[in-house]
Amino acid sequence: MIALTASARWSCQDFWRRRRAGTLVAAALAICSSAHAQNISGVFGPEIEAGHKSLEYRIGFDPDTGNVAHRLHAQASLNDSWMLRVIAQSRQTETTDLDFDLLGVQLFWQVTPDDQDWQSGLRLDARVRDDGRPATLRLDWSNEFRLSESWRIRVVALGAKEIGDTARNGVFLQTRGQLAYRMDGKRRVGLEIYSDYGSTDDLRAGSEQIQQAGPFATIAVAKDWSLTTEVLLGLTDSSPRANLKLAVTRQF
């Protein structure tokens, strides 16, 4: 199943009590499986720096359920237009606190030249999972608008297709947004929003969409090290009430 941006707010048991078994079995399976997923995603930008290499660890925590997810990725630019990233991610299940979730490869392409206030880029994302869950192929489009020397806006559109025997129909759509204020060095503060609309085969109504938003802050903690913290709050009944994220980045 495609990794969702957040887990369902209400439990699978409540779902079964309120719906007639047999009429929405496929939807129930999708929601129950996502109940352990945490939002440890980011609002990535389109710009690529030649010679860039970094390693990043992320952790996401849901205070209501106690569920935790971990992610580690390594990335390196191939030149000033292309970058490669490899991802490993864990999830928490009913039987274990640390279980393999996915392994992914991402290829970034900065489409626009450096010397302009609007930057745009594409990302091809391929992910594999175990336990009979489908693999996914995703194409993402990132845009960044420079409002001033300090202010930036990012808007990202994401579309994913499941592959495999258990794949669901349609293309799964998401958007992400960020308003950031850049201070000196690596320090940044701002707001982010994450939206999950479901599949084009059966788009969710507004109240059923997973919508989260909240503040973030990035600071330099040592030479070549930075720390990012974020608190996301649910905007709909189907969204988790809160999600806490922490990321530690090391540049080389």
Protein backbone atom coordinates (compact mmCIF):
# COMPACT_ATOMS: atom_id res chain seq x y z
CA MET A 1 0.00 0.00 0.00
CA ILE A 2 1.25 3.52 -0.74
CA ALA A 3 2.65 5.28 2.31
CA LEU A 4 0.03 7.81 3.42
CA THR A 5 0.96 11.19 4.88
CA ALA A 6 -0.75 10.32 8.18
CA SER A 7 -2.70 7.58 10.00
CA ALA A 8 -6.49 7.45 10.41
CA ARG A 9 -7.70 9.27 13.51
CA TRP A 10 -10.34 6.78 14.51
CA SER A 11 -9.65 3.10 15.13
CA CYS A 12 -10.36 0.21 12.80
CA GLN A 13 -12.67 -1.31 15.42
CA ASP A 14 -14.87 1.81 15.37
CA PHE A 15 -15.00 1.57 11.60
CA TRP A 16 -16.25 -1.99 11.69
CA ARG A 17 -18.92 -1.12 14.24
CA ARG A 18 -20.24 1.77 12.16
CA ARG A 19 -20.21 0.17 8.72
CA ARG A 20 -21.84 -2.95 7.40
CA ALA A 21 -19.31 -5.69 6.80
CA GLY A 22 -19.07 -6.70 3.19
CA THR A 23 -20.05 -3.39 1.57
CA LEU A 24 -16.80 -1.52 2.15
CA VAL A 25 -14.24 -4.28 2.75
CA ALA A 26 -11.62 -2.81 0.44
CA ALA A 27 -11.85 0.61 2.04
CA ALA A 28 -11.63 -0.89 5.51
CA LEU A 29 -8.47 -2.78 4.67
CA ALA A 30 -6.86 0.36 3.32
CA ILE A 31 -7.71 2.39 6.42
CA CYS A 32 -6.70 -0.28 8.91
CA SER A 33 -3.35 -0.74 7.21
CA SER A 34 -2.69 2.98 7.33
CA ALA A 35 -3.45 3.21 11.02
CA HIS A 36 0.21 2.63 11.86
CA ALA A 37 1.67 5.04 9.29
CA GLN A 38 3.35 8.23 10.46
CA ASN A 39 4.06 11.39 8.52
CA ILE A 40 7.82 11.60 8.21
CA SER A 41 7.74 13.22 4.79
CA GLY A 42 9.14 16.62 3.84
CA VAL A 43 8.40 19.51 1.50
CA PHE A 44 11.41 19.11 -0.77
CA GLY A 45 12.70 21.91 -2.97
CA PRO A 46 13.68 21.78 -6.65
CA GLU A 47 17.19 23.26 -6.41
CA ILE A 48 20.25 21.00 -6.63
CA GLU A 49 23.77 22.00 -5.62
CA ALA A 50 26.75 20.44 -7.37
CA GLY A 51 28.91 18.42 -4.99
CA HIS A 52 26.18 18.03 -2.38
CA LYS A 53 26.27 14.94 -0.14
CA SER A 54 24.25 14.37 3.01
CA LEU A 55 22.79 11.79 5.37
CA GLU A 56 19.49 12.34 7.22
CA TYR A 57 17.62 10.51 9.97
CA ARG A 58 13.93 11.24 10.64
CA ILE A 59 11.53 10.09 13.33
CA GLY A 60 7.77 10.63 13.53
CA PHE A 61 5.59 10.18 16.61
CA ASP A 62 1.80 10.15 17.08
CA PRO A 63 1.01 11.17 20.71
CA ASP A 64 -2.50 9.66 20.58
CA THR A 65 -1.49 6.16 19.47
CA GLY A 66 2.15 6.11 20.56
CA ASN A 67 3.15 4.88 17.09
CA VAL A 68 6.66 5.70 15.89
CA ALA A 69 8.25 5.57 12.42
CA HIS A 70 11.93 5.88 11.49
CA ARG A 71 13.55 6.85 8.20
CA LEU A 72 17.15 7.09 6.99
CA HIS A 73 18.19 8.46 3.63
CA ALA A 74 21.47 9.23 1.88
CA GLN A 75 21.69 11.55 -1.10
CA ALA A 76 24.35 12.89 -3.45
CA SER A 77 24.18 15.24 -6.42
CA LEU A 78 25.43 13.88 -9.73
CA ASN A 79 25.96 17.42 -11.09
CA ASP A 80 24.19 20.77 -10.74
CA SER A 81 20.93 19.40 -12.22
CA TRP A 82 20.58 15.79 -11.02
CA MET A 83 20.60 14.17 -7.56
CA LEU A 84 20.14 10.58 -6.33
CA ARG A 85 18.64 9.55 -2.99
CA VAL A 86 18.24 6.13 -1.32
CA ILE A 87 15.65 5.64 1.46
CA ALA A 88 15.08 2.99 4.14
CA GLN A 89 12.02 3.30 6.37
CA SER A 90 10.57 1.35 9.29
CA ARG A 91 7.06 1.15 10.71
CA GLN A 92 5.38 0.06 13.93
CA THR A 93 2.95 -2.86 13.72
CA GLU A 94 0.72 -4.76 16.15
CA THR A 95 3.46 -7.34 16.74
CA THR A 96 6.65 -5.26 16.74
CA ASP A 97 7.80 -1.70 17.38
CA LEU A 98 10.37 -1.78 14.57
CA ASP A 99 9.46 -3.50 11.31
CA PHE A 100 10.66 -2.98 7.74
CA ASP A 101 8.35 -0.62 5.86
CA LEU A 102 9.97 0.28 2.55
CA LEU A 103 13.14 0.70 0.51
CA GLY A 104 13.15 3.45 -2.08
CA VAL A 105 15.22 5.21 -4.73
CA GLN A 106 14.58 8.80 -5.83
CA LEU A 107 15.99 10.71 -8.79
CA PHE A 108 15.77 14.52 -8.68
CA TRP A 109 16.01 16.82 -11.70
CA GLN A 110 16.24 20.61 -11.44
CA VAL A 111 14.50 21.81 -14.60
CA THR A 112 14.93 25.58 -14.36
CA PRO A 113 18.22 27.55 -14.46
CA ASP A 114 19.67 28.89 -11.20
CA ASP A 115 19.39 32.61 -11.96
CA GLN A 116 15.65 33.14 -11.51
CA ASP A 117 13.18 33.64 -8.66
CA TRP A 118 11.00 30.69 -9.69
CA GLN A 119 12.62 27.27 -9.50
CA SER A 120 11.00 24.02 -10.66
CA GLY A 121 12.02 20.38 -10.60
CA LEU A 122 10.80 16.79 -10.95
CA ARG A 123 11.36 13.74 -8.78
CA LEU A 124 10.93 10.11 -9.83
CA ASP A 125 10.29 7.87 -6.82
CA ALA A 126 10.27 4.04 -6.76
CA ARG A 127 9.50 2.07 -3.57
CA VAL A 128 9.24 -1.62 -2.67
CA ARG A 129 7.59 -3.21 0.38
CA ASP A 130 7.28 -6.69 1.88
CA ASP A 131 4.36 -8.75 3.27
CA GLY A 132 2.62 -8.79 -0.10
CA ARG A 133 2.14 -5.01 -0.15
CA PRO A 134 2.33 -3.36 -3.59
CA ALA A 135 5.32 -1.41 -4.83
CA THR A 136 4.80 2.20 -5.91
CA LEU A 137 6.03 4.46 -8.68
CA ARG A 138 5.61 8.18 -8.12
CA LEU A 139 6.24 11.35 -10.10
CA ASP A 140 6.48 14.55 -8.06
CA TRP A 141 6.65 18.19 -9.18
CA SER A 142 8.28 20.75 -6.87
CA ASN A 143 8.21 24.53 -7.24
CA GLU A 144 9.86 27.25 -5.16
CA PHE A 145 9.11 30.96 -5.37
CA ARG A 146 11.60 33.46 -3.94
CA LEU A 147 9.59 36.37 -2.56
CA SER A 148 12.63 38.17 -1.13
CA GLU A 149 16.11 37.39 0.18
CA SER A 150 14.57 35.74 3.24
CA TRP A 151 11.09 34.52 2.27
CA ARG A 152 10.37 31.39 0.18
CA ILE A 153 7.22 29.49 -0.82
CA ARG A 154 7.28 25.85 -1.91
CA VAL A 155 4.43 23.98 -3.58
CA VAL A 156 4.72 20.25 -4.36
CA ALA A 157 2.29 18.01 -6.26
CA LEU A 158 2.66 14.22 -5.95
CA GLY A 159 1.10 11.36 -7.90
CA ALA A 160 1.69 7.66 -7.13
CA LYS A 161 0.68 4.43 -8.86
CA GLU A 162 0.64 1.10 -7.05
CA ILE A 163 2.14 -1.96 -8.78
CA GLY A 164 1.58 -5.63 -7.91
CA ASP A 165 -1.13 -8.23 -7.30
CA THR A 166 -2.64 -6.25 -4.42
CA ALA A 167 -2.39 -2.84 -6.11
CA ARG A 168 -5.42 -0.58 -5.93
CA ASN A 169 -6.84 1.32 -8.89
CA GLY A 170 -6.16 4.92 -9.79
CA VAL A 171 -3.39 7.40 -9.07
CA PHE A 172 -2.95 8.52 -5.47
CA LEU A 173 -2.71 12.31 -5.20
CA GLN A 174 -1.08 14.53 -2.59
CA THR A 175 0.05 18.13 -2.28
CA ARG A 176 2.46 19.77 0.13
CA GLY A 177 3.21 23.41 0.82
CA GLN A 178 5.72 25.44 2.78
CA LEU A 179 6.19 29.08 3.75
CA ALA A 180 9.72 29.61 5.11
CA TYR A 181 11.78 32.47 6.50
CA ARG A 182 15.52 31.99 6.13
CA MET A 183 17.76 33.55 8.73
CA ASP A 184 21.55 33.52 8.85
CA GLY A 185 23.36 30.24 8.33
CA LYS A 186 21.13 27.16 8.30
CA ARG A 187 18.39 28.61 10.49
CA ARG A 188 14.84 28.57 9.08
CA VAL A 189 11.35 28.84 10.51
CA GLY A 190 8.00 28.49 8.81
CA LEU A 191 4.74 26.65 8.27
CA GLU A 192 3.98 23.48 6.29
CA ILE A 193 0.80 21.80 5.10
CA TYR A 194 0.30 18.20 3.91
CA SER A 195 -2.80 17.05 2.01
CA ASP A 196 -3.77 13.51 0.94
CA TYR A 197 -6.74 13.26 -1.45
CA GLY A 198 -6.83 9.50 -2.01
CA SER A 199 -7.08 7.77 -5.40
CA THR A 200 -8.40 9.24 -8.64
CA ASP A 201 -10.53 6.10 -8.78
CA ASP A 202 -12.41 7.28 -5.67
CA LEU A 203 -11.37 10.74 -4.48
CA ARG A 204 -12.16 11.50 -0.86
CA ALA A 205 -14.65 14.14 0.22
CA GLY A 206 -13.16 17.13 2.00
CA SER A 207 -13.91 15.85 5.50
CA GLU A 208 -12.39 12.45 4.63
CA GLN A 209 -9.12 13.85 3.33
CA ILE A 210 -6.01 13.72 5.49
CA GLN A 211 -4.94 17.31 6.08
CA GLN A 212 -2.15 18.36 8.46
CA ALA A 213 -0.44 21.69 9.05
CA GLY A 214 1.93 23.22 11.55
CA PRO A 215 5.17 25.09 12.31
CA PHE A 216 8.74 23.90 11.82
CA ALA A 217 12.19 25.19 12.72
CA THR A 218 15.68 24.30 11.47
CA ILE A 219 18.85 25.19 13.36
CA ALA A 220 22.56 24.45 13.02
CA VAL A 221 23.76 22.40 15.99
CA ALA A 222 27.40 21.95 14.90
CA LYS A 223 29.56 22.25 11.84
CA ASP A 224 27.81 20.39 9.00
CA TRP A 225 25.02 19.27 11.36
CA SER A 226 21.46 20.62 11.48
CA LEU A 227 18.29 19.79 13.41
CA THR A 228 14.68 20.23 12.23
CA THR A 229 11.64 19.95 14.50
CA GLU A 230 7.99 20.12 13.45
CA VAL A 231 4.53 19.83 14.99
CA LEU A 232 1.63 18.97 12.66
CA LEU A 233 -2.02 19.31 13.68
CA GLY A 234 -4.95 17.60 11.99
CA LEU A 235 -7.35 19.81 10.04
CA THR A 236 -10.08 17.23 9.37
CA ASP A 237 -11.83 14.49 11.34
CA SER A 238 -9.98 11.84 9.33
CA SER A 239 -6.57 13.28 10.21
CA PRO A 240 -4.54 12.45 13.33
CA ARG A 241 -4.88 15.16 15.97
CA ALA A 242 -1.11 15.67 16.19
CA ASN A 243 2.12 14.39 14.67
CA LEU A 244 5.63 15.22 15.93
CA LYS A 245 8.66 15.06 13.66
CA LEU A 246 12.40 15.35 14.21
CA ALA A 247 15.15 15.26 11.57
CA VAL A 248 18.94 15.27 12.01
CA THR A 249 21.02 16.06 8.92
CA ARG A 250 24.77 15.66 8.34
CA GLN A 251 26.35 17.26 5.27
CA PHE A 252 29.67 16.08 3.86
